[in-house]
Amino acid sequence: KYHAGPLDYTVAWILLTFLGFLGIHRFYMGKVITGLIYLLTGGLLGLGWLYDLWTLNEQVDAINRGV
């Protein structure tokens, strides 16, 4: 279902799980602006972190497909 590509799903999940509130997974995906926002706001007070829990596979898939 999901496409292989330059980003590894496992690495993204590990970063989200342990450093999600700091936005490190966003930096890994190349989303620097939102990574900085997460870093400064604690994952948008946790709401952005929860959003990423539900949508991380789709986000990584879109990047791997080049969308």
C-alpha atoms as a PDB file:
ATOM      1  CA  LYS A   1       0.000   0.000   0.000  1.00  0.00           C
ATOM      2  CA  TYR A   2       2.759   2.455   0.889  1.00  0.00           C
ATOM      3  CA  HIS A   3       5.612   3.319  -1.451  1.00  0.00           C
ATOM      4  CA  ALA A   4       9.259   2.771  -0.667  1.00  0.00           C
ATOM      5  CA  GLY A   5      11.515   5.751  -1.127  1.00  0.00           C
ATOM      6  CA  PRO A   6      14.160   7.927   0.459  1.00  0.00           C
ATOM      7  CA  LEU A   7      12.348   8.121   3.812  1.00  0.00           C
ATOM      8  CA  ASP A   8      12.121   5.090   6.057  1.00  0.00           C
ATOM      9  CA  TYR A   9       8.774   4.580   7.793  1.00  0.00           C
ATOM     10  CA  THR A  10      10.410   2.937  10.816  1.00  0.00           C
ATOM     11  CA  VAL A  11      12.805   5.834  11.393  1.00  0.00           C
ATOM     12  CA  ALA A  12       9.946   8.334  11.091  1.00  0.00           C
ATOM     13  CA  TRP A  13       7.876   6.388  13.639  1.00  0.00           C
ATOM     14  CA  ILE A  14      10.771   6.097  16.085  1.00  0.00           C
ATOM     15  CA  LEU A  15      11.441   9.840  15.855  1.00  0.00           C
ATOM     16  CA  LEU A  16       7.738  10.639  16.278  1.00  0.00           C
ATOM     17  CA  THR A  17       7.383   8.303  19.241  1.00  0.00           C
ATOM     18  CA  PHE A  18      10.373   9.504  21.233  1.00  0.00           C
ATOM     19  CA  LEU A  19      10.994  13.061  19.968  1.00  0.00           C
ATOM     20  CA  GLY A  20       7.628  14.008  18.480  1.00  0.00           C
ATOM     21  CA  PHE A  21       7.036  16.937  20.801  1.00  0.00           C
ATOM     22  CA  LEU A  22      10.302  18.451  19.574  1.00  0.00           C
ATOM     23  CA  GLY A  23       9.363  17.993  15.905  1.00  0.00           C
ATOM     24  CA  ILE A  24      12.448  15.945  15.033  1.00  0.00           C
ATOM     25  CA  HIS A  25      10.373  13.687  12.764  1.00  0.00           C
ATOM     26  CA  ARG A  26       9.299  16.789  10.824  1.00  0.00           C
ATOM     27  CA  PHE A  27      12.924  17.768  10.241  1.00  0.00           C
ATOM     28  CA  TYR A  28      13.577  14.201   9.039  1.00  0.00           C
ATOM     29  CA  MET A  29      10.743  14.557   6.508  1.00  0.00           C
ATOM     30  CA  GLY A  30      12.144  17.868   5.260  1.00  0.00           C
ATOM     31  CA  LYS A  31       9.384  19.980   6.799  1.00  0.00           C
ATOM     32  CA  VAL A  32      11.708  22.496   8.428  1.00  0.00           C
ATOM     33  CA  ILE A  33       9.179  25.275   9.081  1.00  0.00           C
ATOM     34  CA  THR A  34       6.711  23.019  10.886  1.00  0.00           C
ATOM     35  CA  GLY A  35       9.644  21.327  12.622  1.00  0.00           C
ATOM     36  CA  LEU A  36      10.654  24.683  14.078  1.00  0.00           C
ATOM     37  CA  ILE A  37       7.061  25.413  15.089  1.00  0.00           C
ATOM     38  CA  TYR A  38       6.829  22.047  16.856  1.00  0.00           C
ATOM     39  CA  LEU A  39      10.183  22.670  18.524  1.00  0.00           C
ATOM     40  CA  LEU A  40       9.071  26.034  19.889  1.00  0.00           C
ATOM     41  CA  THR A  41       5.520  25.028  20.899  1.00  0.00           C
ATOM     42  CA  GLY A  42       5.939  21.475  22.161  1.00  0.00           C
ATOM     43  CA  GLY A  43       4.302  19.874  19.149  1.00  0.00           C
ATOM     44  CA  LEU A  44       1.658  22.602  18.995  1.00  0.00           C
ATOM     45  CA  LEU A  45       0.790  21.839  22.614  1.00  0.00           C
ATOM     46  CA  GLY A  46       0.435  18.163  21.763  1.00  0.00           C
ATOM     47  CA  LEU A  47      -2.294  18.593  19.156  1.00  0.00           C
ATOM     48  CA  GLY A  48       0.094  18.507  16.205  1.00  0.00           C
ATOM     49  CA  TRP A  49       1.782  15.466  17.688  1.00  0.00           C
ATOM     50  CA  LEU A  50      -1.592  13.671  17.887  1.00  0.00           C
ATOM     51  CA  TYR A  51      -2.351  14.646  14.289  1.00  0.00           C
ATOM     52  CA  ASP A  52       0.965  13.166  13.195  1.00  0.00           C
ATOM     53  CA  LEU A  53       0.201   9.930  15.073  1.00  0.00           C
ATOM     54  CA  TRP A  54      -2.836   9.457  12.829  1.00  0.00           C
ATOM     55  CA  THR A  55      -1.300  10.626   9.552  1.00  0.00           C
ATOM     56  CA  LEU A  56       2.423   9.809   9.628  1.00  0.00           C
ATOM     57  CA  ASN A  57       2.252   6.909   7.153  1.00  0.00           C
ATOM     58  CA  GLU A  58       0.356   9.050   4.648  1.00  0.00           C
ATOM     59  CA  GLN A  59       2.806  11.935   5.077  1.00  0.00           C
ATOM     60  CA  VAL A  60       5.834   9.706   4.489  1.00  0.00           C
ATOM     61  CA  ASP A  61       4.086   8.010   1.555  1.00  0.00           C
ATOM     62  CA  ALA A  62       3.368  11.368  -0.095  1.00  0.00           C
ATOM     63  CA  ILE A  63       7.010  12.396   0.244  1.00  0.00           C
ATOM     64  CA  ASN A  64       8.239   9.051  -1.097  1.00  0.00           C
ATOM     65  CA  ARG A  65       5.904   9.339  -4.115  1.00  0.00           C
ATOM     66  CA  GLY A  66       7.121  12.875  -4.762  1.00  0.00           C
ATOM     67  CA  VAL A  67       3.772  14.570  -4.173  1.00  0.00           C
END
